[in-house]
Amino acid sequence: MKKIEAIIRPEKLEIVKNALAEEGFLGMTVIEVKGRGIQGGIVERYRGREFVVDLLQKVKIELVVKEKDVDKVIDIICENARTGNPGDGKIFVLPVERVVRVRTGEKDENAI
């Protein structure tokens, strides 16, 4: 099993969530986060003054999937979150040693 953490633009959340659901990936955790990549933020203008916003609003989606589904989930996220501009986000894949469904006690792949 693998945990996929995708950090994307907030305005892409519904599109990505719906695309994942259409393919049967319903369970996920969504967290509002702030961050920056190598671009270091953006320069904004307000009333003629410039200021740097170096932590931008993002959304982090976390899913635990079977190993065979990792590439499919990554493709779905990339297709639906990509704008082609800096700040589209990142996807991280991590190993998951164990999963337990609290309600039933089911374990591992039966619990995801």
N, C-alpha and C. Protein backbone atom coordinates (compact mmCIF):
# COMPACT_ATOMS: atom_id res chain seq x y z
N MET A 1 0.84 -1.17 0.00
CA MET A 1 0.00 0.00 0.00
C MET A 1 0.89 1.23 0.00
N LYS A 2 0.35 2.30 -0.59
CA LYS A 2 1.09 3.56 -0.68
C LYS A 2 0.18 4.71 -0.28
N LYS A 3 0.79 5.72 0.32
CA LYS A 3 0.09 6.96 0.63
C LYS A 3 0.51 7.98 -0.41
N ILE A 4 -0.48 8.58 -1.04
CA ILE A 4 -0.21 9.62 -2.02
C ILE A 4 -0.60 10.95 -1.39
N GLU A 5 0.34 11.87 -1.36
CA GLU A 5 0.09 13.23 -0.88
C GLU A 5 0.26 14.16 -2.07
N ALA A 6 -0.81 14.84 -2.44
CA ALA A 6 -0.78 15.76 -3.58
C ALA A 6 -1.08 17.17 -3.07
N ILE A 7 -0.18 18.09 -3.37
CA ILE A 7 -0.38 19.49 -3.02
C ILE A 7 -0.73 20.21 -4.31
N ILE A 8 -1.94 20.79 -4.35
CA ILE A 8 -2.45 21.39 -5.58
C ILE A 8 -3.05 22.76 -5.31
N ARG A 9 -3.42 23.44 -6.38
CA ARG A 9 -4.11 24.73 -6.27
C ARG A 9 -5.52 24.51 -5.70
N PRO A 10 -5.98 25.38 -4.79
CA PRO A 10 -7.31 25.20 -4.21
C PRO A 10 -8.43 25.17 -5.24
N GLU A 11 -8.30 25.95 -6.30
CA GLU A 11 -9.37 26.01 -7.30
C GLU A 11 -9.48 24.72 -8.12
N LYS A 12 -8.51 23.82 -8.00
CA LYS A 12 -8.53 22.55 -8.73
C LYS A 12 -9.07 21.40 -7.88
N LEU A 13 -9.36 21.65 -6.61
CA LEU A 13 -9.77 20.58 -5.71
C LEU A 13 -11.01 19.84 -6.19
N GLU A 14 -12.09 20.54 -6.51
CA GLU A 14 -13.33 19.87 -6.91
C GLU A 14 -13.14 19.04 -8.17
N ILE A 15 -12.39 19.57 -9.12
CA ILE A 15 -12.14 18.85 -10.37
C ILE A 15 -11.39 17.56 -10.10
N VAL A 16 -10.32 17.65 -9.29
CA VAL A 16 -9.52 16.47 -8.97
C VAL A 16 -10.33 15.48 -8.16
N LYS A 17 -11.06 15.96 -7.15
CA LYS A 17 -11.88 15.10 -6.30
C LYS A 17 -12.91 14.33 -7.13
N ASN A 18 -13.59 15.02 -8.04
CA ASN A 18 -14.59 14.37 -8.89
C ASN A 18 -13.97 13.35 -9.84
N ALA A 19 -12.81 13.69 -10.40
CA ALA A 19 -12.14 12.76 -11.32
C ALA A 19 -11.69 11.50 -10.57
N LEU A 20 -11.18 11.65 -9.36
CA LEU A 20 -10.79 10.49 -8.56
C LEU A 20 -12.02 9.64 -8.22
N ALA A 21 -13.12 10.29 -7.84
CA ALA A 21 -14.34 9.56 -7.49
C ALA A 21 -14.88 8.78 -8.68
N GLU A 22 -14.82 9.34 -9.88
CA GLU A 22 -15.29 8.65 -11.08
C GLU A 22 -14.55 7.35 -11.33
N GLU A 23 -13.29 7.30 -10.87
CA GLU A 23 -12.47 6.10 -11.06
C GLU A 23 -12.49 5.19 -9.83
N GLY A 24 -13.34 5.53 -8.84
CA GLY A 24 -13.50 4.66 -7.68
C GLY A 24 -12.62 4.98 -6.48
N PHE A 25 -11.91 6.10 -6.53
CA PHE A 25 -11.06 6.49 -5.41
C PHE A 25 -11.82 7.54 -4.59
N LEU A 26 -12.60 7.06 -3.62
CA LEU A 26 -13.50 7.92 -2.87
C LEU A 26 -12.90 8.43 -1.57
N GLY A 27 -12.14 7.59 -0.88
CA GLY A 27 -11.61 7.95 0.42
C GLY A 27 -10.39 8.85 0.31
N MET A 28 -10.46 9.98 0.98
CA MET A 28 -9.33 10.91 0.96
C MET A 28 -9.45 11.86 2.13
N THR A 29 -8.34 12.49 2.47
CA THR A 29 -8.31 13.55 3.46
C THR A 29 -7.85 14.81 2.73
N VAL A 30 -8.52 15.92 2.99
CA VAL A 30 -8.18 17.19 2.35
C VAL A 30 -7.84 18.20 3.44
N ILE A 31 -6.69 18.84 3.29
CA ILE A 31 -6.20 19.79 4.29
C ILE A 31 -5.82 21.09 3.58
N GLU A 32 -6.26 22.23 4.13
CA GLU A 32 -5.83 23.52 3.60
C GLU A 32 -4.45 23.80 4.17
N VAL A 33 -3.50 24.10 3.26
CA VAL A 33 -2.11 24.35 3.67
C VAL A 33 -1.60 25.62 3.01
N LYS A 34 -0.45 26.08 3.46
CA LYS A 34 0.27 27.18 2.81
C LYS A 34 1.66 26.68 2.50
N GLY A 35 2.22 27.16 1.40
CA GLY A 35 3.57 26.73 1.06
C GLY A 35 4.13 27.52 -0.11
N ARG A 36 5.34 27.15 -0.46
CA ARG A 36 5.99 27.76 -1.62
C ARG A 36 6.95 26.77 -2.22
N GLY A 37 7.18 26.93 -3.50
CA GLY A 37 8.12 26.09 -4.22
C GLY A 37 9.37 26.89 -4.54
N ILE A 38 10.05 26.49 -5.58
CA ILE A 38 11.30 27.15 -5.93
C ILE A 38 11.10 28.58 -6.41
N GLN A 39 9.87 28.92 -6.82
CA GLN A 39 9.63 30.29 -7.27
C GLN A 39 9.67 31.27 -6.11
N GLY A 40 9.53 30.78 -4.86
CA GLY A 40 9.68 31.63 -3.68
C GLY A 40 8.52 32.56 -3.39
N GLY A 41 7.41 32.41 -4.05
CA GLY A 41 6.25 33.27 -3.81
C GLY A 41 5.95 34.13 -5.03
N ILE A 42 5.06 35.10 -4.83
CA ILE A 42 4.66 35.97 -5.93
C ILE A 42 4.66 37.42 -5.46
N VAL A 43 4.82 38.33 -6.40
CA VAL A 43 4.76 39.77 -6.10
C VAL A 43 3.36 40.26 -6.42
N GLU A 44 2.73 40.89 -5.45
CA GLU A 44 1.38 41.43 -5.62
C GLU A 44 1.44 42.95 -5.53
N ARG A 45 0.47 43.61 -6.12
CA ARG A 45 0.34 45.07 -6.01
C ARG A 45 -0.97 45.39 -5.33
N TYR A 46 -0.91 46.32 -4.38
CA TYR A 46 -2.11 46.77 -3.70
C TYR A 46 -1.98 48.26 -3.47
N ARG A 47 -2.88 49.04 -4.05
CA ARG A 47 -2.87 50.50 -3.94
C ARG A 47 -1.51 51.10 -4.30
N GLY A 48 -0.94 50.57 -5.40
CA GLY A 48 0.30 51.12 -5.91
C GLY A 48 1.56 50.64 -5.22
N ARG A 49 1.43 49.81 -4.23
CA ARG A 49 2.59 49.30 -3.51
C ARG A 49 2.78 47.82 -3.82
N GLU A 50 4.04 47.41 -3.91
CA GLU A 50 4.35 46.01 -4.14
C GLU A 50 4.67 45.31 -2.83
N PHE A 51 4.23 44.06 -2.72
CA PHE A 51 4.64 43.24 -1.60
C PHE A 51 4.72 41.80 -2.05
N VAL A 52 5.55 41.02 -1.35
CA VAL A 52 5.78 39.63 -1.72
C VAL A 52 4.92 38.73 -0.84
N VAL A 53 4.17 37.86 -1.48
CA VAL A 53 3.43 36.82 -0.77
C VAL A 53 4.26 35.55 -0.95
N ASP A 54 4.95 35.13 0.13
CA ASP A 54 5.85 34.00 -0.05
C ASP A 54 5.29 32.66 0.41
N LEU A 55 4.14 32.66 1.05
CA LEU A 55 3.45 31.41 1.37
C LEU A 55 2.07 31.47 0.72
N LEU A 56 1.86 30.61 -0.26
CA LEU A 56 0.64 30.64 -1.05
C LEU A 56 -0.35 29.58 -0.56
N GLN A 57 -1.64 29.88 -0.69
CA GLN A 57 -2.69 28.94 -0.31
C GLN A 57 -2.64 27.73 -1.25
N LYS A 58 -2.65 26.54 -0.67
CA LYS A 58 -2.70 25.29 -1.42
C LYS A 58 -3.64 24.34 -0.70
N VAL A 59 -3.91 23.21 -1.33
CA VAL A 59 -4.70 22.15 -0.73
C VAL A 59 -3.89 20.87 -0.82
N LYS A 60 -3.88 20.11 0.26
CA LYS A 60 -3.18 18.83 0.27
C LYS A 60 -4.22 17.72 0.33
N ILE A 61 -4.15 16.82 -0.65
CA ILE A 61 -5.03 15.65 -0.71
C ILE A 61 -4.19 14.44 -0.33
N GLU A 62 -4.69 13.65 0.61
CA GLU A 62 -4.01 12.43 1.01
C GLU A 62 -4.91 11.23 0.74
N LEU A 63 -4.35 10.22 0.08
CA LEU A 63 -5.08 8.97 -0.20
C LEU A 63 -4.15 7.80 0.09
N VAL A 64 -4.70 6.72 0.56
CA VAL A 64 -3.96 5.47 0.67
C VAL A 64 -4.56 4.51 -0.34
N VAL A 65 -3.70 3.98 -1.22
CA VAL A 65 -4.18 3.13 -2.31
C VAL A 65 -3.33 1.86 -2.40
N LYS A 66 -3.86 0.88 -3.12
CA LYS A 66 -3.08 -0.32 -3.41
C LYS A 66 -1.93 0.07 -4.32
N GLU A 67 -0.84 -0.64 -4.20
CA GLU A 67 0.35 -0.32 -4.98
C GLU A 67 0.08 -0.30 -6.49
N LYS A 68 -0.80 -1.20 -6.94
CA LYS A 68 -1.10 -1.28 -8.38
C LYS A 68 -1.85 -0.05 -8.89
N ASP A 69 -2.46 0.73 -7.98
CA ASP A 69 -3.24 1.90 -8.38
C ASP A 69 -2.47 3.22 -8.33
N VAL A 70 -1.23 3.20 -7.89
CA VAL A 70 -0.46 4.44 -7.68
C VAL A 70 -0.35 5.25 -8.97
N ASP A 71 0.10 4.63 -10.05
CA ASP A 71 0.30 5.37 -11.31
C ASP A 71 -1.01 5.94 -11.84
N LYS A 72 -2.09 5.18 -11.70
CA LYS A 72 -3.40 5.64 -12.16
C LYS A 72 -3.84 6.89 -11.39
N VAL A 73 -3.67 6.87 -10.07
CA VAL A 73 -4.06 8.02 -9.24
C VAL A 73 -3.19 9.23 -9.57
N ILE A 74 -1.90 9.02 -9.74
CA ILE A 74 -1.01 10.12 -10.10
C ILE A 74 -1.43 10.73 -11.44
N ASP A 75 -1.74 9.90 -12.42
CA ASP A 75 -2.18 10.39 -13.73
C ASP A 75 -3.46 11.21 -13.62
N ILE A 76 -4.41 10.73 -12.82
CA ILE A 76 -5.68 11.45 -12.64
C ILE A 76 -5.42 12.82 -12.02
N ILE A 77 -4.60 12.86 -10.99
CA ILE A 77 -4.31 14.13 -10.32
C ILE A 77 -3.61 15.08 -11.28
N CYS A 78 -2.59 14.61 -11.97
CA CYS A 78 -1.84 15.48 -12.90
C CYS A 78 -2.73 16.02 -14.01
N GLU A 79 -3.53 15.16 -14.62
CA GLU A 79 -4.40 15.59 -15.71
C GLU A 79 -5.38 16.68 -15.28
N ASN A 80 -5.86 16.59 -14.06
CA ASN A 80 -6.92 17.48 -13.61
C ASN A 80 -6.44 18.66 -12.79
N ALA A 81 -5.20 18.65 -12.33
CA ALA A 81 -4.68 19.77 -11.53
C ALA A 81 -3.73 20.67 -12.31
N ARG A 82 -3.28 20.21 -13.47
CA ARG A 82 -2.26 20.94 -14.23
C ARG A 82 -2.84 22.17 -14.92
N THR A 83 -2.14 23.31 -14.75
CA THR A 83 -2.45 24.52 -15.52
C THR A 83 -1.31 24.85 -16.47
N GLY A 84 -0.13 24.28 -16.20
CA GLY A 84 1.05 24.59 -17.01
C GLY A 84 1.85 25.76 -16.47
N ASN A 85 1.41 26.33 -15.37
CA ASN A 85 2.09 27.47 -14.77
C ASN A 85 2.79 27.05 -13.48
N PRO A 86 3.82 27.82 -13.07
CA PRO A 86 4.45 27.53 -11.79
C PRO A 86 3.41 27.55 -10.67
N GLY A 87 3.57 26.66 -9.72
CA GLY A 87 2.65 26.60 -8.60
C GLY A 87 1.57 25.55 -8.73
N ASP A 88 1.66 24.69 -9.76
CA ASP A 88 0.65 23.63 -9.93
C ASP A 88 0.72 22.60 -8.82
N GLY A 89 1.87 22.43 -8.18
CA GLY A 89 1.96 21.55 -7.03
C GLY A 89 2.95 20.42 -7.18
N LYS A 90 2.86 19.49 -6.23
CA LYS A 90 3.75 18.33 -6.18
C LYS A 90 2.94 17.12 -5.71
N ILE A 91 3.45 15.93 -6.05
CA ILE A 91 2.86 14.68 -5.56
C ILE A 91 3.98 13.87 -4.92
N PHE A 92 3.70 13.38 -3.71
CA PHE A 92 4.65 12.54 -2.99
C PHE A 92 4.01 11.18 -2.78
N VAL A 93 4.82 10.12 -2.91
CA VAL A 93 4.35 8.76 -2.69
C VAL A 93 5.18 8.15 -1.57
N LEU A 94 4.48 7.65 -0.54
CA LEU A 94 5.16 7.09 0.63
C LEU A 94 4.66 5.68 0.91
N PRO A 95 5.51 4.83 1.48
CA PRO A 95 5.05 3.49 1.84
C PRO A 95 4.12 3.55 3.06
N VAL A 96 3.15 2.64 3.09
CA VAL A 96 2.25 2.51 4.24
C VAL A 96 2.42 1.09 4.76
N GLU A 97 2.79 0.97 6.01
CA GLU A 97 3.04 -0.34 6.60
C GLU A 97 1.76 -1.04 7.03
N ARG A 98 0.80 -0.26 7.52
CA ARG A 98 -0.39 -0.89 8.07
C ARG A 98 -1.56 0.07 8.05
N VAL A 99 -2.77 -0.48 7.83
CA VAL A 99 -4.01 0.30 7.89
C VAL A 99 -5.01 -0.52 8.70
N VAL A 100 -5.73 0.17 9.59
CA VAL A 100 -6.78 -0.50 10.36
C VAL A 100 -8.02 0.38 10.30
N ARG A 101 -9.16 -0.21 9.91
CA ARG A 101 -10.43 0.51 9.94
C ARG A 101 -10.95 0.43 11.37
N VAL A 102 -11.09 1.56 12.02
CA VAL A 102 -11.47 1.60 13.43
C VAL A 102 -12.83 0.96 13.67
N ARG A 103 -13.81 1.25 12.83
CA ARG A 103 -15.17 0.77 13.02
C ARG A 103 -15.28 -0.75 13.03
N THR A 104 -14.56 -1.42 12.10
CA THR A 104 -14.74 -2.87 11.94
C THR A 104 -13.53 -3.70 12.35
N GLY A 105 -12.39 -3.05 12.48
CA GLY A 105 -11.17 -3.78 12.79
C GLY A 105 -10.50 -4.39 11.56
N GLU A 106 -11.08 -4.15 10.36
CA GLU A 106 -10.46 -4.67 9.13
C GLU A 106 -9.05 -4.10 9.02
N LYS A 107 -8.19 -4.91 8.39
CA LYS A 107 -6.78 -4.52 8.32
C LYS A 107 -6.28 -4.46 6.89
N ASP A 108 -5.27 -3.61 6.72
CA ASP A 108 -4.49 -3.47 5.50
C ASP A 108 -5.38 -3.21 4.27
N GLU A 109 -5.21 -3.96 3.18
CA GLU A 109 -5.94 -3.64 1.95
C GLU A 109 -7.46 -3.73 2.11
N ASN A 110 -7.93 -4.53 3.05
CA ASN A 110 -9.38 -4.61 3.30
C ASN A 110 -9.89 -3.35 3.98
N ALA A 111 -8.98 -2.56 4.53
CA ALA A 111 -9.38 -1.36 5.28
C ALA A 111 -9.34 -0.08 4.44
N ILE A 112 -8.81 -0.17 3.21
CA ILE A 112 -8.74 1.07 2.42
C ILE A 112 -9.88 1.18 1.43
